[in-house]
Protein backbone atom coordinates (compact mmCIF):
# COMPACT_ATOMS: atom_id res chain seq x y z
CA UNK A 1 0.00 0.00 0.00
CA UNK A 2 1.34 3.43 -0.89
CA UNK A 3 1.71 6.14 1.74
CA UNK A 4 -0.93 8.20 -0.04
CA UNK A 5 -3.47 5.38 0.21
CA UNK A 6 -2.60 4.84 3.88
CA UNK A 7 -3.04 8.56 4.56
CA UNK A 8 -6.76 8.40 3.69
CA UNK A 9 -7.53 5.15 5.56
CA UNK A 10 -9.77 5.41 8.61
CA UNK A 11 -7.87 4.92 11.86
CA UNK A 12 -9.93 3.46 14.72
CA UNK A 13 -9.88 0.53 17.15
CA UNK A 14 -11.51 -2.62 15.76
CA UNK A 15 -14.15 -2.49 18.51
CA UNK A 16 -14.98 1.22 18.17
CA UNK A 17 -18.63 0.59 17.23
CA UNK A 18 -19.26 -1.28 20.49
CA UNK A 19 -16.64 0.10 22.90
CA UNK A 20 -16.43 3.70 21.69
CA UNK A 21 -15.95 6.46 21.01
CA UNK A 22 -19.44 6.08 19.58
CA UNK A 23 -21.50 7.88 16.99
CA UNK A 24 -24.86 8.94 18.42
CA UNK A 25 -26.55 6.48 16.03
CA UNK A 26 -24.64 3.60 17.70
CA UNK A 27 -25.68 4.30 21.29
CA UNK A 28 -27.61 1.48 22.95
CA UNK A 29 -29.80 2.47 25.89
CA UNK A 30 -29.88 5.74 27.79
CA UNK A 31 -27.02 6.96 30.00
CA UNK A 32 -26.80 10.20 31.97
CA UNK A 33 -24.49 12.52 30.05
CA UNK A 34 -23.56 16.17 29.68
CA UNK A 35 -24.60 17.56 26.30
CA UNK A 36 -22.02 19.81 24.59
CA UNK A 37 -23.81 19.83 21.21
CA UNK A 38 -21.44 17.83 19.02
CA UNK A 39 -20.20 15.76 21.99
CA UNK A 40 -21.98 13.97 24.80
CA UNK A 41 -19.85 12.97 27.76
CA UNK A 42 -21.07 10.80 30.66
CA UNK A 43 -20.54 12.46 34.03
CA UNK A 44 -18.52 10.64 36.65
CA UNK A 45 -17.33 11.32 40.16
CA UNK A 46 -14.30 13.63 40.53
CA UNK A 47 -14.34 14.55 36.84
CA UNK A 48 -13.84 18.29 36.25
CA UNK A 49 -14.86 19.69 32.87
CA UNK A 50 -14.40 23.11 31.31
CA UNK A 51 -14.82 24.69 27.90
CA UNK A 52 -11.99 26.32 25.96
CA UNK A 53 -12.91 29.51 24.09
CA UNK A 54 -10.98 31.06 21.20
CA UNK A 55 -10.35 34.63 22.31
CA UNK A 56 -10.53 36.26 18.87
CA UNK A 57 -13.87 34.69 17.85
CA UNK A 58 -15.36 33.79 21.27
CA UNK A 59 -16.38 30.40 19.91
CA UNK A 60 -16.01 27.25 21.99
CA UNK A 61 -13.24 25.16 20.47
CA UNK A 62 -12.63 22.30 22.93
CA UNK A 63 -13.83 20.46 26.02
CA UNK A 64 -11.10 19.90 28.61
CA UNK A 65 -11.31 17.44 31.46
CA UNK A 66 -9.23 16.85 34.57
CA UNK A 67 -9.43 13.44 36.22
CA UNK A 68 -7.20 11.90 38.90
CA UNK A 69 -4.11 13.94 38.02
CA UNK A 70 -4.52 13.61 34.25
CA UNK A 71 -5.93 15.96 31.63
CA UNK A 72 -7.79 15.24 28.39
CA UNK A 73 -8.72 17.89 25.84
CA UNK A 74 -11.31 16.86 23.25
CA UNK A 75 -12.11 18.24 19.80
CA UNK A 76 -14.45 16.77 17.18
CA UNK A 77 -14.07 17.58 13.48
CA UNK A 78 -16.05 16.96 10.31
CA UNK A 79 -14.59 14.22 8.10
CA UNK A 80 -15.46 12.47 4.82
CA UNK A 81 -17.81 9.50 5.06
CA UNK A 82 -15.42 6.99 3.49
CA UNK A 83 -12.00 8.43 4.35
CA UNK A 84 -10.13 9.16 7.54
CA UNK A 85 -8.13 12.30 8.37
CA UNK A 86 -6.08 11.24 11.44
CA UNK A 87 -3.02 10.20 9.41
CA UNK A 88 -2.94 13.55 7.60
CA UNK A 89 -3.60 15.60 10.77
CA UNK A 90 -0.90 13.70 12.67
CA UNK A 91 1.62 14.42 9.94
CA UNK A 92 0.74 18.14 10.01
CA UNK A 93 1.04 18.25 13.80
CA UNK A 94 4.42 16.53 13.65
CA UNK A 95 5.70 19.16 11.19
CA UNK A 96 4.24 22.03 13.24
CA UNK A 97 5.78 20.86 16.53
CA UNK A 98 9.12 20.29 14.83
CA UNK A 99 8.98 23.81 13.33
CA UNK A 100 8.53 25.19 16.88
CA UNK A 101 11.69 23.38 17.97
CA UNK A 102 9.84 20.52 19.64
CA UNK A 103 10.23 16.76 19.38
CA UNK A 104 7.75 14.02 18.46
CA UNK A 105 7.68 10.25 18.46
CA UNK A 106 5.02 8.08 16.87
CA UNK A 107 3.84 4.89 18.54
CA UNK A 108 0.85 2.56 18.29
CA UNK A 109 -1.53 2.39 21.23
CA UNK A 110 -5.00 1.10 22.05
CA UNK A 111 -6.60 3.55 19.58
CA UNK A 112 -4.04 3.04 16.81
CA UNK A 113 -1.24 5.49 15.93
CA UNK A 114 -0.53 8.14 18.57
CA UNK A 115 1.91 11.01 18.74
CA UNK A 116 4.09 11.67 21.79
CA UNK A 117 5.25 15.27 21.79
CA UNK A 118 7.66 17.51 23.68
CA UNK A 119 6.27 20.98 22.95
CA UNK A 120 8.31 24.13 23.68
CA UNK A 121 6.69 26.73 25.96
CA UNK A 122 7.18 30.30 24.77
CA UNK A 123 6.76 33.21 27.19
CA UNK A 124 5.28 36.61 26.34
CA UNK A 125 8.71 37.90 25.29
CA UNK A 126 8.99 35.09 22.75
CA UNK A 127 11.63 33.23 24.75
CA UNK A 128 11.52 29.48 25.32
CA UNK A 129 10.72 28.72 28.94
CA UNK A 130 10.79 24.95 29.13
CA UNK A 131 8.46 22.44 27.50
CA UNK A 132 5.36 20.40 28.13
CA UNK A 133 4.77 16.76 27.33
CA UNK A 134 1.59 15.63 25.60
CA UNK A 135 0.16 12.57 23.92
CA UNK A 136 -2.16 13.03 20.93
CA UNK A 137 -4.70 10.32 20.10
CA UNK A 138 -7.30 10.23 17.36
CA UNK A 139 -10.17 8.12 16.06
CA UNK A 140 -11.88 8.35 12.67
CA UNK A 141 -15.62 7.72 12.99
CA UNK A 142 -18.50 7.94 10.50
CA UNK A 143 -18.26 11.47 9.04
CA UNK A 144 -16.31 12.72 12.08
CA UNK A 145 -12.89 12.63 13.67
CA UNK A 146 -12.30 12.84 17.43
CA UNK A 147 -8.94 14.04 18.77
CA UNK A 148 -7.68 13.88 22.32
CA UNK A 149 -4.68 15.64 23.87
CA UNK A 150 -3.51 13.92 27.06
CA UNK A 151 -1.31 15.36 29.80
CA UNK A 152 -0.39 14.73 33.42
CA UNK A 153 -0.25 11.37 35.18
CA UNK A 154 -1.61 9.42 32.19
CA UNK A 155 1.63 10.06 30.30
CA UNK A 156 3.64 7.81 32.64
CA UNK A 157 1.25 5.83 34.82
CA UNK A 158 -0.45 2.76 33.31
CA UNK A 159 -3.53 2.93 35.57
CA UNK A 160 -4.02 6.65 34.90
CA UNK A 161 -3.56 6.03 31.15
CA UNK A 162 -6.24 3.30 31.23
CA UNK A 163 -8.63 5.69 33.04
CA UNK A 164 -8.12 8.37 30.38
CA UNK A 165 -8.53 5.82 27.57
CA UNK A 166 -11.82 4.79 29.18
CA UNK A 167 -12.88 8.44 29.36
CA UNK A 168 -12.05 8.94 25.66
CA UNK A 169 -14.03 5.82 24.73
CA UNK A 170 -17.05 7.08 26.67
CA UNK A 171 -17.50 10.10 24.37
CA UNK A 172 -20.47 10.11 21.99
CA UNK A 173 -20.07 12.27 18.88
CA UNK A 174 -23.14 13.94 17.38
CA UNK A 175 -22.58 14.79 13.73
CA UNK A 176 -25.65 16.53 12.33
CA UNK A 177 -26.53 16.67 8.63
CA UNK A 178 -25.16 20.18 8.05
CA UNK A 179 -22.52 19.93 5.28
CA UNK A 180 -19.07 20.94 6.52
CA UNK A 181 -15.63 20.85 4.90
CA UNK A 182 -13.37 18.11 6.29
CA UNK A 183 -11.36 19.25 9.34
CA UNK A 184 -13.89 21.94 10.32
CA UNK A 185 -14.61 21.88 14.06
CA UNK A 186 -18.02 20.53 14.99
CA UNK A 187 -20.04 23.08 16.97
CA UNK A 188 -19.79 22.92 20.75
CA UNK A 189 -22.42 24.45 23.01
CA UNK A 190 -22.59 25.32 26.71
CA UNK A 191 -24.55 22.77 28.76
CA UNK A 192 -26.55 23.76 31.82
CA UNK A 193 -24.83 24.19 35.18
CA UNK A 194 -22.37 21.33 35.61
CA UNK A 195 -19.30 22.68 33.86
CA UNK A 196 -16.75 25.34 34.78
CA UNK A 197 -17.22 28.66 32.91
CA UNK A 198 -15.53 28.92 29.51
CA UNK A 199 -11.86 29.82 29.55
CA UNK A 200 -10.11 31.80 26.78
CA UNK A 201 -7.11 30.23 25.07
C-alpha atoms as a PDB file:
ATOM      1  CA  UNK A   1       0.000   0.000   0.000  1.00  0.00           C
ATOM      2  CA  UNK A   2       1.341   3.431  -0.888  1.00  0.00           C
ATOM      3  CA  UNK A   3       1.713   6.139   1.743  1.00  0.00           C
ATOM      4  CA  UNK A   4      -0.930   8.201  -0.041  1.00  0.00           C
ATOM      5  CA  UNK A   5      -3.466   5.376   0.213  1.00  0.00           C
ATOM      6  CA  UNK A   6      -2.600   4.841   3.879  1.00  0.00           C
ATOM      7  CA  UNK A   7      -3.044   8.564   4.556  1.00  0.00           C
ATOM      8  CA  UNK A   8      -6.760   8.396   3.690  1.00  0.00           C
ATOM      9  CA  UNK A   9      -7.532   5.151   5.563  1.00  0.00           C
ATOM     10  CA  UNK A  10      -9.769   5.412   8.610  1.00  0.00           C
ATOM     11  CA  UNK A  11      -7.868   4.923  11.862  1.00  0.00           C
ATOM     12  CA  UNK A  12      -9.926   3.460  14.715  1.00  0.00           C
ATOM     13  CA  UNK A  13      -9.883   0.528  17.149  1.00  0.00           C
ATOM     14  CA  UNK A  14     -11.513  -2.625  15.756  1.00  0.00           C
ATOM     15  CA  UNK A  15     -14.145  -2.493  18.514  1.00  0.00           C
ATOM     16  CA  UNK A  16     -14.978   1.215  18.166  1.00  0.00           C
ATOM     17  CA  UNK A  17     -18.632   0.591  17.232  1.00  0.00           C
ATOM     18  CA  UNK A  18     -19.260  -1.277  20.486  1.00  0.00           C
ATOM     19  CA  UNK A  19     -16.636   0.102  22.904  1.00  0.00           C
ATOM     20  CA  UNK A  20     -16.425   3.703  21.688  1.00  0.00           C
ATOM     21  CA  UNK A  21     -15.950   6.457  21.007  1.00  0.00           C
ATOM     22  CA  UNK A  22     -19.443   6.082  19.578  1.00  0.00           C
ATOM     23  CA  UNK A  23     -21.496   7.879  16.992  1.00  0.00           C
ATOM     24  CA  UNK A  24     -24.857   8.945  18.418  1.00  0.00           C
ATOM     25  CA  UNK A  25     -26.546   6.476  16.030  1.00  0.00           C
ATOM     26  CA  UNK A  26     -24.643   3.598  17.696  1.00  0.00           C
ATOM     27  CA  UNK A  27     -25.683   4.297  21.294  1.00  0.00           C
ATOM     28  CA  UNK A  28     -27.614   1.477  22.946  1.00  0.00           C
ATOM     29  CA  UNK A  29     -29.801   2.469  25.891  1.00  0.00           C
ATOM     30  CA  UNK A  30     -29.882   5.737  27.795  1.00  0.00           C
ATOM     31  CA  UNK A  31     -27.019   6.957  29.996  1.00  0.00           C
ATOM     32  CA  UNK A  32     -26.797  10.199  31.966  1.00  0.00           C
ATOM     33  CA  UNK A  33     -24.491  12.519  30.049  1.00  0.00           C
ATOM     34  CA  UNK A  34     -23.555  16.167  29.675  1.00  0.00           C
ATOM     35  CA  UNK A  35     -24.595  17.555  26.296  1.00  0.00           C
ATOM     36  CA  UNK A  36     -22.025  19.812  24.588  1.00  0.00           C
ATOM     37  CA  UNK A  37     -23.806  19.826  21.214  1.00  0.00           C
ATOM     38  CA  UNK A  38     -21.437  17.826  19.016  1.00  0.00           C
ATOM     39  CA  UNK A  39     -20.200  15.760  21.990  1.00  0.00           C
ATOM     40  CA  UNK A  40     -21.985  13.975  24.802  1.00  0.00           C
ATOM     41  CA  UNK A  41     -19.849  12.973  27.762  1.00  0.00           C
ATOM     42  CA  UNK A  42     -21.069  10.800  30.662  1.00  0.00           C
ATOM     43  CA  UNK A  43     -20.543  12.460  34.028  1.00  0.00           C
ATOM     44  CA  UNK A  44     -18.521  10.638  36.654  1.00  0.00           C
ATOM     45  CA  UNK A  45     -17.326  11.319  40.160  1.00  0.00           C
ATOM     46  CA  UNK A  46     -14.300  13.629  40.530  1.00  0.00           C
ATOM     47  CA  UNK A  47     -14.339  14.551  36.837  1.00  0.00           C
ATOM     48  CA  UNK A  48     -13.842  18.288  36.252  1.00  0.00           C
ATOM     49  CA  UNK A  49     -14.865  19.693  32.868  1.00  0.00           C
ATOM     50  CA  UNK A  50     -14.400  23.106  31.310  1.00  0.00           C
ATOM     51  CA  UNK A  51     -14.818  24.694  27.904  1.00  0.00           C
ATOM     52  CA  UNK A  52     -11.987  26.322  25.959  1.00  0.00           C
ATOM     53  CA  UNK A  53     -12.914  29.506  24.090  1.00  0.00           C
ATOM     54  CA  UNK A  54     -10.981  31.064  21.203  1.00  0.00           C
ATOM     55  CA  UNK A  55     -10.353  34.634  22.305  1.00  0.00           C
ATOM     56  CA  UNK A  56     -10.532  36.260  18.866  1.00  0.00           C
ATOM     57  CA  UNK A  57     -13.872  34.688  17.853  1.00  0.00           C
ATOM     58  CA  UNK A  58     -15.363  33.793  21.270  1.00  0.00           C
ATOM     59  CA  UNK A  59     -16.380  30.398  19.906  1.00  0.00           C
ATOM     60  CA  UNK A  60     -16.014  27.253  21.994  1.00  0.00           C
ATOM     61  CA  UNK A  61     -13.242  25.157  20.470  1.00  0.00           C
ATOM     62  CA  UNK A  62     -12.628  22.298  22.929  1.00  0.00           C
ATOM     63  CA  UNK A  63     -13.834  20.456  26.015  1.00  0.00           C
ATOM     64  CA  UNK A  64     -11.101  19.904  28.612  1.00  0.00           C
ATOM     65  CA  UNK A  65     -11.314  17.436  31.462  1.00  0.00           C
ATOM     66  CA  UNK A  66      -9.228  16.845  34.568  1.00  0.00           C
ATOM     67  CA  UNK A  67      -9.434  13.444  36.219  1.00  0.00           C
ATOM     68  CA  UNK A  68      -7.201  11.900  38.901  1.00  0.00           C
ATOM     69  CA  UNK A  69      -4.113  13.936  38.023  1.00  0.00           C
ATOM     70  CA  UNK A  70      -4.518  13.610  34.251  1.00  0.00           C
ATOM     71  CA  UNK A  71      -5.932  15.957  31.633  1.00  0.00           C
ATOM     72  CA  UNK A  72      -7.789  15.245  28.393  1.00  0.00           C
ATOM     73  CA  UNK A  73      -8.720  17.893  25.840  1.00  0.00           C
ATOM     74  CA  UNK A  74     -11.309  16.858  23.248  1.00  0.00           C
ATOM     75  CA  UNK A  75     -12.111  18.245  19.805  1.00  0.00           C
ATOM     76  CA  UNK A  76     -14.446  16.770  17.180  1.00  0.00           C
ATOM     77  CA  UNK A  77     -14.070  17.578  13.478  1.00  0.00           C
ATOM     78  CA  UNK A  78     -16.050  16.958  10.311  1.00  0.00           C
ATOM     79  CA  UNK A  79     -14.590  14.215   8.104  1.00  0.00           C
ATOM     80  CA  UNK A  80     -15.458  12.472   4.823  1.00  0.00           C
ATOM     81  CA  UNK A  81     -17.806   9.498   5.056  1.00  0.00           C
ATOM     82  CA  UNK A  82     -15.423   6.986   3.489  1.00  0.00           C
ATOM     83  CA  UNK A  83     -11.997   8.433   4.353  1.00  0.00           C
ATOM     84  CA  UNK A  84     -10.128   9.160   7.544  1.00  0.00           C
ATOM     85  CA  UNK A  85      -8.133  12.305   8.370  1.00  0.00           C
ATOM     86  CA  UNK A  86      -6.077  11.244  11.436  1.00  0.00           C
ATOM     87  CA  UNK A  87      -3.022  10.200   9.411  1.00  0.00           C
ATOM     88  CA  UNK A  88      -2.945  13.550   7.604  1.00  0.00           C
ATOM     89  CA  UNK A  89      -3.599  15.597  10.770  1.00  0.00           C
ATOM     90  CA  UNK A  90      -0.898  13.695  12.672  1.00  0.00           C
ATOM     91  CA  UNK A  91       1.620  14.418   9.944  1.00  0.00           C
ATOM     92  CA  UNK A  92       0.741  18.137  10.008  1.00  0.00           C
ATOM     93  CA  UNK A  93       1.044  18.248  13.800  1.00  0.00           C
ATOM     94  CA  UNK A  94       4.418  16.532  13.647  1.00  0.00           C
ATOM     95  CA  UNK A  95       5.695  19.158  11.190  1.00  0.00           C
ATOM     96  CA  UNK A  96       4.240  22.031  13.244  1.00  0.00           C
ATOM     97  CA  UNK A  97       5.779  20.859  16.532  1.00  0.00           C
ATOM     98  CA  UNK A  98       9.122  20.287  14.833  1.00  0.00           C
ATOM     99  CA  UNK A  99       8.983  23.815  13.334  1.00  0.00           C
ATOM    100  CA  UNK A 100       8.530  25.194  16.883  1.00  0.00           C
ATOM    101  CA  UNK A 101      11.685  23.383  17.973  1.00  0.00           C
ATOM    102  CA  UNK A 102       9.840  20.516  19.635  1.00  0.00           C
ATOM    103  CA  UNK A 103      10.231  16.760  19.375  1.00  0.00           C
ATOM    104  CA  UNK A 104       7.753  14.023  18.456  1.00  0.00           C
ATOM    105  CA  UNK A 105       7.676  10.251  18.463  1.00  0.00           C
ATOM    106  CA  UNK A 106       5.021   8.084  16.873  1.00  0.00           C
ATOM    107  CA  UNK A 107       3.838   4.887  18.544  1.00  0.00           C
ATOM    108  CA  UNK A 108       0.850   2.559  18.289  1.00  0.00           C
ATOM    109  CA  UNK A 109      -1.530   2.386  21.234  1.00  0.00           C
ATOM    110  CA  UNK A 110      -4.995   1.102  22.047  1.00  0.00           C
ATOM    111  CA  UNK A 111      -6.598   3.548  19.576  1.00  0.00           C
ATOM    112  CA  UNK A 112      -4.039   3.038  16.811  1.00  0.00           C
ATOM    113  CA  UNK A 113      -1.245   5.494  15.934  1.00  0.00           C
ATOM    114  CA  UNK A 114      -0.529   8.142  18.569  1.00  0.00           C
ATOM    115  CA  UNK A 115       1.909  11.010  18.739  1.00  0.00           C
ATOM    116  CA  UNK A 116       4.093  11.670  21.787  1.00  0.00           C
ATOM    117  CA  UNK A 117       5.253  15.274  21.795  1.00  0.00           C
ATOM    118  CA  UNK A 118       7.664  17.513  23.681  1.00  0.00           C
ATOM    119  CA  UNK A 119       6.271  20.983  22.946  1.00  0.00           C
ATOM    120  CA  UNK A 120       8.307  24.135  23.679  1.00  0.00           C
ATOM    121  CA  UNK A 121       6.691  26.727  25.955  1.00  0.00           C
ATOM    122  CA  UNK A 122       7.180  30.297  24.766  1.00  0.00           C
ATOM    123  CA  UNK A 123       6.756  33.209  27.191  1.00  0.00           C
ATOM    124  CA  UNK A 124       5.285  36.613  26.338  1.00  0.00           C
ATOM    125  CA  UNK A 125       8.708  37.898  25.286  1.00  0.00           C
ATOM    126  CA  UNK A 126       8.987  35.091  22.750  1.00  0.00           C
ATOM    127  CA  UNK A 127      11.627  33.232  24.755  1.00  0.00           C
ATOM    128  CA  UNK A 128      11.523  29.477  25.319  1.00  0.00           C
ATOM    129  CA  UNK A 129      10.719  28.721  28.939  1.00  0.00           C
ATOM    130  CA  UNK A 130      10.786  24.948  29.125  1.00  0.00           C
ATOM    131  CA  UNK A 131       8.464  22.444  27.503  1.00  0.00           C
ATOM    132  CA  UNK A 132       5.359  20.399  28.135  1.00  0.00           C
ATOM    133  CA  UNK A 133       4.774  16.763  27.327  1.00  0.00           C
ATOM    134  CA  UNK A 134       1.587  15.633  25.601  1.00  0.00           C
ATOM    135  CA  UNK A 135       0.161  12.574  23.919  1.00  0.00           C
ATOM    136  CA  UNK A 136      -2.156  13.029  20.930  1.00  0.00           C
ATOM    137  CA  UNK A 137      -4.697  10.318  20.102  1.00  0.00           C
ATOM    138  CA  UNK A 138      -7.302  10.232  17.362  1.00  0.00           C
ATOM    139  CA  UNK A 139     -10.169   8.121  16.062  1.00  0.00           C
ATOM    140  CA  UNK A 140     -11.881   8.355  12.674  1.00  0.00           C
ATOM    141  CA  UNK A 141     -15.624   7.716  12.990  1.00  0.00           C
ATOM    142  CA  UNK A 142     -18.500   7.939  10.499  1.00  0.00           C
ATOM    143  CA  UNK A 143     -18.256  11.471   9.037  1.00  0.00           C
ATOM    144  CA  UNK A 144     -16.309  12.722  12.082  1.00  0.00           C
ATOM    145  CA  UNK A 145     -12.887  12.632  13.669  1.00  0.00           C
ATOM    146  CA  UNK A 146     -12.296  12.841  17.434  1.00  0.00           C
ATOM    147  CA  UNK A 147      -8.945  14.041  18.767  1.00  0.00           C
ATOM    148  CA  UNK A 148      -7.677  13.881  22.318  1.00  0.00           C
ATOM    149  CA  UNK A 149      -4.677  15.637  23.874  1.00  0.00           C
ATOM    150  CA  UNK A 150      -3.506  13.922  27.057  1.00  0.00           C
ATOM    151  CA  UNK A 151      -1.310  15.359  29.797  1.00  0.00           C
ATOM    152  CA  UNK A 152      -0.392  14.731  33.419  1.00  0.00           C
ATOM    153  CA  UNK A 153      -0.253  11.373  35.179  1.00  0.00           C
ATOM    154  CA  UNK A 154      -1.614   9.420  32.193  1.00  0.00           C
ATOM    155  CA  UNK A 155       1.630  10.057  30.299  1.00  0.00           C
ATOM    156  CA  UNK A 156       3.638   7.812  32.639  1.00  0.00           C
ATOM    157  CA  UNK A 157       1.252   5.826  34.818  1.00  0.00           C
ATOM    158  CA  UNK A 158      -0.452   2.762  33.308  1.00  0.00           C
ATOM    159  CA  UNK A 159      -3.532   2.928  35.567  1.00  0.00           C
ATOM    160  CA  UNK A 160      -4.024   6.653  34.895  1.00  0.00           C
ATOM    161  CA  UNK A 161      -3.563   6.034  31.150  1.00  0.00           C
ATOM    162  CA  UNK A 162      -6.240   3.301  31.233  1.00  0.00           C
ATOM    163  CA  UNK A 163      -8.627   5.688  33.041  1.00  0.00           C
ATOM    164  CA  UNK A 164      -8.119   8.373  30.379  1.00  0.00           C
ATOM    165  CA  UNK A 165      -8.527   5.821  27.572  1.00  0.00           C
ATOM    166  CA  UNK A 166     -11.822   4.794  29.185  1.00  0.00           C
ATOM    167  CA  UNK A 167     -12.884   8.442  29.360  1.00  0.00           C
ATOM    168  CA  UNK A 168     -12.048   8.938  25.663  1.00  0.00           C
ATOM    169  CA  UNK A 169     -14.030   5.822  24.730  1.00  0.00           C
ATOM    170  CA  UNK A 170     -17.051   7.085  26.672  1.00  0.00           C
ATOM    171  CA  UNK A 171     -17.495  10.104  24.367  1.00  0.00           C
ATOM    172  CA  UNK A 172     -20.468  10.107  21.993  1.00  0.00           C
ATOM    173  CA  UNK A 173     -20.072  12.267  18.875  1.00  0.00           C
ATOM    174  CA  UNK A 174     -23.138  13.936  17.379  1.00  0.00           C
ATOM    175  CA  UNK A 175     -22.582  14.792  13.726  1.00  0.00           C
ATOM    176  CA  UNK A 176     -25.650  16.533  12.328  1.00  0.00           C
ATOM    177  CA  UNK A 177     -26.527  16.671   8.634  1.00  0.00           C
ATOM    178  CA  UNK A 178     -25.163  20.182   8.054  1.00  0.00           C
ATOM    179  CA  UNK A 179     -22.515  19.931   5.276  1.00  0.00           C
ATOM    180  CA  UNK A 180     -19.068  20.944   6.522  1.00  0.00           C
ATOM    181  CA  UNK A 181     -15.633  20.845   4.900  1.00  0.00           C
ATOM    182  CA  UNK A 182     -13.365  18.105   6.288  1.00  0.00           C
ATOM    183  CA  UNK A 183     -11.358  19.251   9.342  1.00  0.00           C
ATOM    184  CA  UNK A 184     -13.893  21.938  10.324  1.00  0.00           C
ATOM    185  CA  UNK A 185     -14.611  21.884  14.059  1.00  0.00           C
ATOM    186  CA  UNK A 186     -18.020  20.532  14.989  1.00  0.00           C
ATOM    187  CA  UNK A 187     -20.041  23.079  16.968  1.00  0.00           C
ATOM    188  CA  UNK A 188     -19.791  22.919  20.752  1.00  0.00           C
ATOM    189  CA  UNK A 189     -22.425  24.454  23.011  1.00  0.00           C
ATOM    190  CA  UNK A 190     -22.587  25.318  26.714  1.00  0.00           C
ATOM    191  CA  UNK A 191     -24.553  22.773  28.762  1.00  0.00           C
ATOM    192  CA  UNK A 192     -26.548  23.761  31.818  1.00  0.00           C
ATOM    193  CA  UNK A 193     -24.832  24.191  35.181  1.00  0.00           C
ATOM    194  CA  UNK A 194     -22.370  21.329  35.613  1.00  0.00           C
ATOM    195  CA  UNK A 195     -19.301  22.684  33.861  1.00  0.00           C
ATOM    196  CA  UNK A 196     -16.751  25.339  34.775  1.00  0.00           C
ATOM    197  CA  UNK A 197     -17.219  28.657  32.909  1.00  0.00           C
ATOM    198  CA  UNK A 198     -15.526  28.922  29.511  1.00  0.00           C
ATOM    199  CA  UNK A 199     -11.858  29.822  29.548  1.00  0.00           C
ATOM    200  CA  UNK A 200     -10.114  31.798  26.782  1.00  0.00           C
ATOM    201  CA  UNK A 201      -7.106  30.228  25.070  1.00  0.00           C
END
